[in-house]
Amino acid sequence: MVVDGETINLLPEEMDVGVVEREGFAVAEEAGYVVGVSRQLTPELVREGLARELAHRIQGMRKSAGFEITDTIVTYYVGPSEVEEVMHDFADYIRQETLSRDLIEGQPTEGYTETQRIDGKEATLTVVRRP
């Protein structure tokens, strides 16, 4: 190592090497490997997170409504444009995760209903068991 134009030799026990986390990154070290991941949330990641959270909430509603694990349902939703877009764009994922035959915008007259607050967005969800 060269310091102020002078070569200095250090022994391993004279060095202390560590990881310094940079702003905007999460860093983990294990078994001599270091990984850094950006903490920046892109619009795509935010939308995917909302889709996963909606599926999770619908699953909880199925349980609260007393549905069997194998029961298929129809899910109705009313919410802001972000919720509508995610329900449309991630429809296949949400249907598969929740056993929903359909995802329908609107409020039915039957079924189990809850109003959910997700990431600052309020959505009313209804699940209806279908044979």
Protein backbone atom coordinates (compact mmCIF):
# COMPACT_ATOMS: atom_id res chain seq x y z
CA MET A 1 0.00 0.00 0.00
CA VAL A 2 1.27 3.49 -0.85
CA VAL A 3 0.54 6.34 1.58
CA ASP A 4 1.87 9.84 0.89
CA GLY A 5 4.27 8.41 -1.69
CA GLU A 6 5.72 5.90 0.77
CA THR A 7 5.21 2.14 0.44
CA ILE A 8 3.88 0.53 3.60
CA ASN A 9 3.55 -3.21 4.08
CA LEU A 10 0.79 -4.38 6.37
CA LEU A 11 0.28 -7.80 7.86
CA PRO A 12 -3.23 -9.32 7.73
CA GLU A 13 -3.65 -8.90 11.49
CA GLU A 14 -2.88 -5.19 11.11
CA MET A 15 -5.85 -4.64 8.79
CA ASP A 16 -9.51 -4.24 9.59
CA VAL A 17 -11.67 -4.65 6.51
CA GLY A 18 -15.39 -4.00 6.80
CA VAL A 19 -18.47 -3.24 4.77
CA VAL A 20 -19.79 0.30 4.71
CA GLU A 21 -23.34 0.59 3.50
CA ARG A 22 -23.89 3.24 0.84
CA GLU A 23 -26.97 5.40 0.94
CA GLY A 24 -29.83 3.81 -0.97
CA PHE A 25 -28.46 0.26 -0.71
CA ALA A 26 -28.98 -2.64 1.67
CA VAL A 27 -25.86 -4.72 2.24
CA ALA A 28 -25.45 -8.20 3.70
CA GLU A 29 -22.28 -10.19 4.32
CA GLU A 30 -22.02 -13.90 4.97
CA ALA A 31 -19.31 -16.53 4.55
CA GLY A 32 -16.95 -14.04 2.92
CA TYR A 33 -19.48 -12.85 0.33
CA VAL A 34 -20.99 -9.38 0.21
CA VAL A 35 -24.20 -8.46 -1.59
CA GLY A 36 -25.62 -4.98 -2.10
CA VAL A 37 -29.16 -4.37 -3.30
CA SER A 38 -30.74 -1.08 -4.27
CA ARG A 39 -33.54 0.03 -1.95
CA GLN A 40 -35.17 2.12 -4.66
CA LEU A 41 -38.75 1.07 -5.28
CA THR A 42 -39.66 1.33 -8.92
CA PRO A 43 -43.28 1.85 -9.95
CA GLU A 44 -43.32 -1.77 -11.17
CA LEU A 45 -42.22 -3.07 -7.76
CA VAL A 46 -44.80 -0.94 -5.98
CA ARG A 47 -47.57 -2.30 -8.25
CA GLU A 48 -46.42 -5.90 -7.76
CA GLY A 49 -46.33 -5.34 -4.00
CA LEU A 50 -49.91 -4.02 -4.10
CA ALA A 51 -51.01 -7.09 -6.10
CA ARG A 52 -49.41 -9.43 -3.57
CA GLU A 53 -50.98 -7.54 -0.67
CA LEU A 54 -54.43 -7.64 -2.30
CA ALA A 55 -54.10 -11.40 -2.80
CA HIS A 56 -53.04 -11.76 0.85
CA ARG A 57 -56.02 -9.72 2.08
CA ILE A 58 -58.44 -11.71 -0.09
CA GLN A 59 -57.00 -14.93 1.35
CA GLY A 60 -57.62 -13.59 4.85
CA MET A 61 -61.18 -12.70 3.89
CA ARG A 62 -61.77 -16.25 2.60
CA LYS A 63 -60.76 -17.55 6.03
CA SER A 64 -62.88 -14.96 7.89
CA ALA A 65 -65.87 -15.86 5.71
CA GLY A 66 -65.49 -19.53 6.69
CA PHE A 67 -64.78 -20.78 3.17
CA GLU A 68 -63.12 -24.13 2.65
CA ILE A 69 -59.58 -24.15 1.25
CA THR A 70 -60.84 -25.61 -2.05
CA ASP A 71 -63.84 -23.29 -2.49
CA THR A 72 -63.75 -21.19 -5.62
CA ILE A 73 -64.93 -17.61 -5.32
CA VAL A 74 -65.73 -14.46 -7.22
CA THR A 75 -63.97 -11.35 -5.93
CA TYR A 76 -65.53 -7.91 -6.27
CA TYR A 77 -63.61 -4.71 -5.70
CA VAL A 78 -64.16 -0.97 -5.46
CA GLY A 79 -61.20 1.35 -5.04
CA PRO A 80 -59.01 4.07 -6.51
CA SER A 81 -57.54 3.80 -9.99
CA GLU A 82 -54.30 2.20 -8.69
CA VAL A 83 -56.27 -0.69 -7.19
CA GLU A 84 -58.38 -1.09 -10.35
CA GLU A 85 -55.25 -1.14 -12.55
CA VAL A 86 -53.48 -3.70 -10.37
CA MET A 87 -56.57 -5.93 -10.20
CA HIS A 88 -56.64 -5.83 -14.01
CA ASP A 89 -52.90 -6.08 -14.74
CA PHE A 90 -52.22 -8.83 -12.16
CA ALA A 91 -55.57 -10.60 -12.60
CA ASP A 92 -54.06 -13.98 -13.45
CA TYR A 93 -51.83 -13.93 -10.36
CA ILE A 94 -54.61 -12.77 -8.02
CA ARG A 95 -57.12 -15.29 -9.40
CA GLN A 96 -54.63 -18.15 -9.06
CA GLU A 97 -53.58 -17.24 -5.51
CA THR A 98 -57.14 -16.75 -4.24
CA LEU A 99 -59.06 -19.33 -6.31
CA SER A 100 -61.12 -16.49 -7.76
CA ARG A 101 -62.99 -17.41 -10.92
CA ASP A 102 -63.51 -13.72 -11.69
CA LEU A 103 -62.39 -10.32 -10.46
CA ILE A 104 -65.26 -7.90 -10.96
CA GLU A 105 -65.26 -4.17 -10.40
CA GLY A 106 -68.31 -3.19 -8.35
CA GLN A 107 -70.14 -3.99 -5.16
CA PRO A 108 -72.51 -7.01 -5.08
CA THR A 109 -75.54 -7.39 -2.83
CA GLU A 110 -74.27 -10.65 -1.31
CA GLY A 111 -71.02 -12.05 0.06
CA TYR A 112 -68.47 -11.24 2.73
CA THR A 113 -67.23 -7.63 2.52
CA GLU A 114 -64.36 -5.76 4.14
CA THR A 115 -62.88 -2.34 3.53
CA GLN A 116 -59.11 -2.59 3.49
CA ARG A 117 -56.48 0.15 3.71
CA ILE A 118 -53.40 -0.87 1.73
CA ASP A 119 -50.44 1.48 1.24
CA GLY A 120 -52.67 4.46 1.90
CA LYS A 121 -55.30 3.30 -0.61
CA GLU A 122 -58.74 2.24 0.56
CA ALA A 123 -60.42 -0.63 -1.24
CA THR A 124 -63.68 -2.44 -0.54
CA LEU A 125 -63.39 -6.14 -1.32
CA THR A 126 -66.16 -8.72 -1.38
CA VAL A 127 -65.75 -12.48 -1.74
CA VAL A 128 -68.63 -14.69 -2.84
CA ARG A 129 -68.43 -18.49 -2.82
CA ARG A 130 -69.21 -20.07 -6.20
CA PRO A 131 -69.76 -23.75 -6.98
